[in-house]
């Protein structure tokens, strides 16, 4: 991304919600008063966190998400792996 400033969406415009089945890395966005954000710390979102998806992040293969009123950039692959963990455990439980 050419700039380190992003425009944050309104929290009510989320397209999808997900609950993490494993922790994943995320780059936190620190909001300013004008609705823009700068890169913040790299953290780990915990298992059980509810994420609200707002579309593509700053680069291809990333997503802009919100959890507990904070915005983050995550990798689509990390979210997919967390979600497939749920499916894999359910399938294993049904066959046992």
N, C-alpha and C. Protein backbone atom coordinates (compact mmCIF):
# COMPACT_ATOMS: atom_id res chain seq x y z
N UNK A 1 0.84 -1.18 0.00
CA UNK A 1 0.00 0.00 0.00
C UNK A 1 0.88 1.23 0.00
N UNK A 2 0.56 2.21 -0.80
CA UNK A 2 1.39 3.39 -0.94
C UNK A 2 1.34 4.29 0.28
N UNK A 3 0.21 4.35 0.94
CA UNK A 3 0.05 5.23 2.10
C UNK A 3 -0.15 4.40 3.36
N UNK A 4 0.19 4.99 4.50
CA UNK A 4 -0.05 4.28 5.75
C UNK A 4 -1.34 4.75 6.41
N UNK A 5 -2.21 5.45 5.65
CA UNK A 5 -3.48 5.95 6.17
C UNK A 5 -4.62 5.22 5.45
N UNK A 6 -5.60 4.76 6.21
CA UNK A 6 -6.77 4.09 5.66
C UNK A 6 -8.03 4.80 6.12
N UNK A 7 -9.07 4.73 5.31
CA UNK A 7 -10.37 5.25 5.71
C UNK A 7 -11.16 4.08 6.29
N UNK A 8 -11.63 4.21 7.52
CA UNK A 8 -12.37 3.12 8.16
C UNK A 8 -13.86 3.21 7.80
N UNK A 9 -14.49 2.06 7.58
CA UNK A 9 -15.93 2.04 7.28
C UNK A 9 -16.76 2.23 8.55
N UNK A 10 -18.04 2.44 8.36
CA UNK A 10 -18.97 2.47 9.49
C UNK A 10 -19.14 1.05 10.00
N UNK A 11 -19.20 0.87 11.30
CA UNK A 11 -19.31 -0.49 11.86
C UNK A 11 -20.58 -1.20 11.41
N UNK A 12 -21.61 -0.47 11.05
CA UNK A 12 -22.88 -1.09 10.65
C UNK A 12 -22.86 -1.63 9.22
N UNK A 13 -21.76 -1.43 8.47
CA UNK A 13 -21.72 -1.87 7.08
C UNK A 13 -21.03 -3.23 6.88
N UNK A 14 -20.94 -4.03 7.92
CA UNK A 14 -20.31 -5.34 7.86
C UNK A 14 -21.07 -6.27 6.91
N UNK A 15 -20.32 -7.06 6.13
CA UNK A 15 -20.96 -7.98 5.18
C UNK A 15 -21.12 -9.40 5.74
N UNK A 16 -20.17 -9.87 6.55
CA UNK A 16 -20.21 -11.23 7.10
C UNK A 16 -19.65 -11.19 8.52
N UNK A 17 -20.05 -12.17 9.31
CA UNK A 17 -19.49 -12.34 10.65
C UNK A 17 -18.91 -13.73 10.79
N UNK A 18 -17.85 -13.85 11.58
CA UNK A 18 -17.17 -15.12 11.80
C UNK A 18 -16.77 -15.20 13.27
N UNK A 19 -16.72 -16.41 13.80
CA UNK A 19 -16.16 -16.65 15.13
C UNK A 19 -14.91 -17.49 14.93
N UNK A 20 -13.79 -17.00 15.46
CA UNK A 20 -12.51 -17.70 15.27
C UNK A 20 -12.47 -19.00 16.06
N UNK A 21 -12.01 -20.05 15.41
CA UNK A 21 -11.85 -21.35 16.06
C UNK A 21 -10.42 -21.58 16.52
N UNK A 22 -9.53 -20.68 16.12
CA UNK A 22 -8.14 -20.69 16.59
C UNK A 22 -7.65 -19.26 16.51
N UNK A 23 -6.62 -18.92 17.28
CA UNK A 23 -6.12 -17.55 17.21
C UNK A 23 -5.40 -17.32 15.88
N UNK A 24 -5.46 -16.07 15.43
CA UNK A 24 -4.81 -15.70 14.17
C UNK A 24 -4.09 -14.36 14.35
N UNK A 25 -3.04 -14.12 13.56
CA UNK A 25 -2.36 -12.82 13.62
C UNK A 25 -3.21 -11.74 12.96
N UNK A 26 -3.07 -10.52 13.44
CA UNK A 26 -3.81 -9.38 12.88
C UNK A 26 -3.01 -8.11 13.07
N UNK A 27 -3.10 -7.22 12.11
CA UNK A 27 -2.47 -5.91 12.21
C UNK A 27 -3.56 -4.93 12.63
N UNK A 28 -3.43 -4.39 13.84
CA UNK A 28 -4.43 -3.47 14.35
C UNK A 28 -4.33 -2.12 13.65
N UNK A 29 -5.48 -1.49 13.44
CA UNK A 29 -5.54 -0.15 12.88
C UNK A 29 -5.93 0.81 13.99
N UNK A 30 -5.17 1.86 14.16
CA UNK A 30 -5.42 2.84 15.21
C UNK A 30 -6.19 4.01 14.59
N UNK A 31 -7.43 4.20 15.04
CA UNK A 31 -8.31 5.21 14.46
C UNK A 31 -8.02 6.61 15.00
N UNK A 32 -8.26 7.60 14.14
CA UNK A 32 -8.15 8.99 14.56
C UNK A 32 -9.55 9.59 14.57
N UNK A 33 -9.67 10.82 15.01
CA UNK A 33 -10.98 11.47 15.11
C UNK A 33 -11.68 11.64 13.77
N UNK A 34 -10.94 11.74 12.68
CA UNK A 34 -11.55 11.99 11.37
C UNK A 34 -11.96 10.71 10.63
N UNK A 35 -11.93 9.56 11.30
CA UNK A 35 -12.35 8.31 10.69
C UNK A 35 -11.26 7.60 9.91
N UNK A 36 -10.07 8.18 9.87
CA UNK A 36 -8.95 7.52 9.20
C UNK A 36 -8.17 6.73 10.24
N UNK A 37 -7.31 5.85 9.75
CA UNK A 37 -6.53 5.02 10.67
C UNK A 37 -5.12 4.86 10.17
N UNK A 38 -4.23 4.62 11.10
CA UNK A 38 -2.83 4.32 10.78
C UNK A 38 -2.53 2.91 11.30
N UNK A 39 -1.45 2.33 10.74
CA UNK A 39 -1.03 1.01 11.18
C UNK A 39 -0.71 1.04 12.67
N UNK A 40 -1.16 0.02 13.37
CA UNK A 40 -0.87 -0.14 14.78
C UNK A 40 -0.03 -1.39 14.99
N UNK A 41 -0.14 -1.96 16.19
CA UNK A 41 0.68 -3.14 16.50
C UNK A 41 0.17 -4.42 15.84
N UNK A 42 1.08 -5.36 15.68
CA UNK A 42 0.73 -6.71 15.24
C UNK A 42 0.33 -7.48 16.48
N UNK A 43 -0.87 -8.06 16.47
CA UNK A 43 -1.37 -8.79 17.64
C UNK A 43 -1.86 -10.16 17.19
N UNK A 44 -2.40 -10.93 18.13
CA UNK A 44 -3.05 -12.20 17.82
C UNK A 44 -4.49 -12.10 18.32
N UNK A 45 -5.44 -12.28 17.41
CA UNK A 45 -6.85 -12.30 17.80
C UNK A 45 -7.13 -13.68 18.41
N UNK A 46 -7.78 -13.72 19.57
CA UNK A 46 -7.96 -14.99 20.27
C UNK A 46 -9.04 -15.88 19.69
N UNK A 47 -8.91 -17.17 19.96
CA UNK A 47 -9.97 -18.12 19.61
C UNK A 47 -11.26 -17.64 20.27
N UNK A 48 -12.36 -17.71 19.55
CA UNK A 48 -13.65 -17.27 20.07
C UNK A 48 -13.98 -15.82 19.75
N UNK A 49 -13.02 -15.07 19.22
CA UNK A 49 -13.29 -13.67 18.87
C UNK A 49 -14.29 -13.61 17.72
N UNK A 50 -15.24 -12.70 17.82
CA UNK A 50 -16.21 -12.50 16.76
C UNK A 50 -15.68 -11.41 15.84
N UNK A 51 -15.56 -11.74 14.54
CA UNK A 51 -15.05 -10.80 13.54
C UNK A 51 -16.18 -10.40 12.61
N UNK A 52 -16.24 -9.12 12.30
CA UNK A 52 -17.19 -8.61 11.32
C UNK A 52 -16.38 -8.17 10.11
N UNK A 53 -16.68 -8.75 8.97
CA UNK A 53 -15.89 -8.54 7.75
C UNK A 53 -16.38 -7.32 6.97
N UNK A 54 -15.44 -6.51 6.48
CA UNK A 54 -15.75 -5.30 5.73
C UNK A 54 -15.13 -5.30 4.34
N UNK A 55 -14.75 -6.44 3.84
CA UNK A 55 -14.21 -6.52 2.49
C UNK A 55 -12.70 -6.61 2.47
N UNK A 56 -12.15 -6.36 1.28
CA UNK A 56 -10.71 -6.50 1.08
C UNK A 56 -9.93 -5.51 1.93
N UNK A 57 -8.79 -5.99 2.42
CA UNK A 57 -7.91 -5.14 3.22
C UNK A 57 -7.02 -4.28 2.35
N UNK A 58 -5.83 -4.02 2.82
CA UNK A 58 -4.92 -3.10 2.14
C UNK A 58 -4.22 -3.73 0.94
N UNK A 59 -4.17 -5.04 0.88
CA UNK A 59 -3.53 -5.76 -0.22
C UNK A 59 -4.38 -6.97 -0.59
N UNK A 60 -4.13 -7.50 -1.78
CA UNK A 60 -4.84 -8.69 -2.21
C UNK A 60 -4.53 -9.82 -1.22
N UNK A 61 -5.57 -10.58 -0.87
CA UNK A 61 -5.39 -11.69 0.05
C UNK A 61 -5.57 -11.30 1.51
N UNK A 62 -5.95 -10.03 1.75
CA UNK A 62 -6.20 -9.59 3.12
C UNK A 62 -7.64 -9.11 3.25
N UNK A 63 -8.11 -9.07 4.49
CA UNK A 63 -9.47 -8.61 4.79
C UNK A 63 -9.42 -7.53 5.86
N UNK A 64 -10.35 -6.59 5.78
CA UNK A 64 -10.55 -5.60 6.83
C UNK A 64 -11.66 -6.14 7.72
N UNK A 65 -11.38 -6.31 9.01
CA UNK A 65 -12.36 -6.84 9.94
C UNK A 65 -12.43 -5.96 11.18
N UNK A 66 -13.51 -6.13 11.94
CA UNK A 66 -13.69 -5.41 13.19
C UNK A 66 -14.02 -6.43 14.27
N UNK A 67 -13.42 -6.26 15.44
CA UNK A 67 -13.71 -7.10 16.60
C UNK A 67 -13.64 -6.22 17.83
N UNK A 68 -14.68 -6.25 18.64
CA UNK A 68 -14.73 -5.43 19.86
C UNK A 68 -14.43 -3.96 19.58
N UNK A 69 -15.02 -3.43 18.52
CA UNK A 69 -14.91 -2.02 18.13
C UNK A 69 -13.52 -1.58 17.69
N UNK A 70 -12.65 -2.54 17.39
CA UNK A 70 -11.32 -2.25 16.85
C UNK A 70 -11.22 -2.86 15.46
N UNK A 71 -10.54 -2.17 14.56
CA UNK A 71 -10.35 -2.66 13.20
C UNK A 71 -8.98 -3.31 13.05
N UNK A 72 -8.95 -4.33 12.18
CA UNK A 72 -7.74 -5.10 11.94
C UNK A 72 -7.65 -5.47 10.47
N UNK A 73 -6.44 -5.72 10.01
CA UNK A 73 -6.20 -6.33 8.71
C UNK A 73 -5.72 -7.76 9.01
N UNK A 74 -6.38 -8.74 8.38
CA UNK A 74 -5.98 -10.14 8.55
C UNK A 74 -5.81 -10.77 7.18
N UNK A 75 -5.15 -11.91 7.14
CA UNK A 75 -5.02 -12.66 5.90
C UNK A 75 -6.24 -13.54 5.72
N UNK A 76 -6.79 -13.54 4.49
CA UNK A 76 -7.94 -14.40 4.17
C UNK A 76 -7.63 -15.86 4.49
N UNK A 77 -6.41 -16.29 4.19
CA UNK A 77 -6.02 -17.68 4.42
C UNK A 77 -6.09 -18.04 5.90
N UNK A 78 -5.67 -17.13 6.78
CA UNK A 78 -5.74 -17.40 8.23
C UNK A 78 -7.19 -17.57 8.67
N UNK A 79 -8.08 -16.72 8.16
CA UNK A 79 -9.49 -16.84 8.51
C UNK A 79 -10.06 -18.15 7.98
N UNK A 80 -9.73 -18.49 6.74
CA UNK A 80 -10.23 -19.73 6.14
C UNK A 80 -9.76 -20.95 6.93
N UNK A 81 -8.50 -20.94 7.35
CA UNK A 81 -7.98 -22.06 8.14
C UNK A 81 -8.69 -22.15 9.48
N UNK A 82 -8.98 -21.03 10.11
CA UNK A 82 -9.70 -21.02 11.38
C UNK A 82 -11.11 -21.58 11.19
N UNK A 83 -11.76 -21.19 10.10
CA UNK A 83 -13.12 -21.65 9.84
C UNK A 83 -13.15 -23.12 9.45
N UNK A 84 -12.14 -23.60 8.72
CA UNK A 84 -12.13 -25.00 8.31
C UNK A 84 -11.84 -25.90 9.50
N UNK A 85 -11.17 -25.39 10.52
CA UNK A 85 -10.94 -26.14 11.75
C UNK A 85 -12.27 -26.54 12.37
N UNK A 86 -13.23 -25.63 12.35
CA UNK A 86 -14.57 -25.90 12.87
C UNK A 86 -15.22 -27.03 12.09
N UNK A 87 -15.15 -26.96 10.76
CA UNK A 87 -15.74 -27.98 9.90
C UNK A 87 -15.07 -29.33 10.11
N UNK A 88 -13.74 -29.34 10.18
CA UNK A 88 -12.99 -30.59 10.38
C UNK A 88 -13.36 -31.25 11.70
N UNK A 89 -13.47 -30.47 12.78
CA UNK A 89 -13.82 -31.04 14.09
C UNK A 89 -15.23 -31.61 14.08
N UNK A 90 -16.16 -30.91 13.43
CA UNK A 90 -17.53 -31.41 13.35
C UNK A 90 -17.60 -32.70 12.56
N UNK A 91 -16.89 -32.76 11.45
CA UNK A 91 -16.89 -33.97 10.62
C UNK A 91 -16.28 -35.13 11.39
N UNK A 92 -15.21 -34.89 12.12
CA UNK A 92 -14.56 -35.94 12.90
C UNK A 92 -15.49 -36.44 14.02
N UNK A 93 -16.23 -35.54 14.64
CA UNK A 93 -17.15 -35.93 15.70
C UNK A 93 -18.31 -36.76 15.17
N UNK A 94 -18.77 -36.43 13.95
CA UNK A 94 -19.90 -37.16 13.36
C UNK A 94 -19.49 -38.57 12.94
N UNK A 95 -18.23 -38.77 12.55
CA UNK A 95 -17.79 -40.10 12.12
C UNK A 95 -17.35 -40.97 13.28
N UNK A 96 -17.14 -40.37 14.44
CA UNK A 96 -16.67 -41.14 15.61
C UNK A 96 -17.78 -41.89 16.28
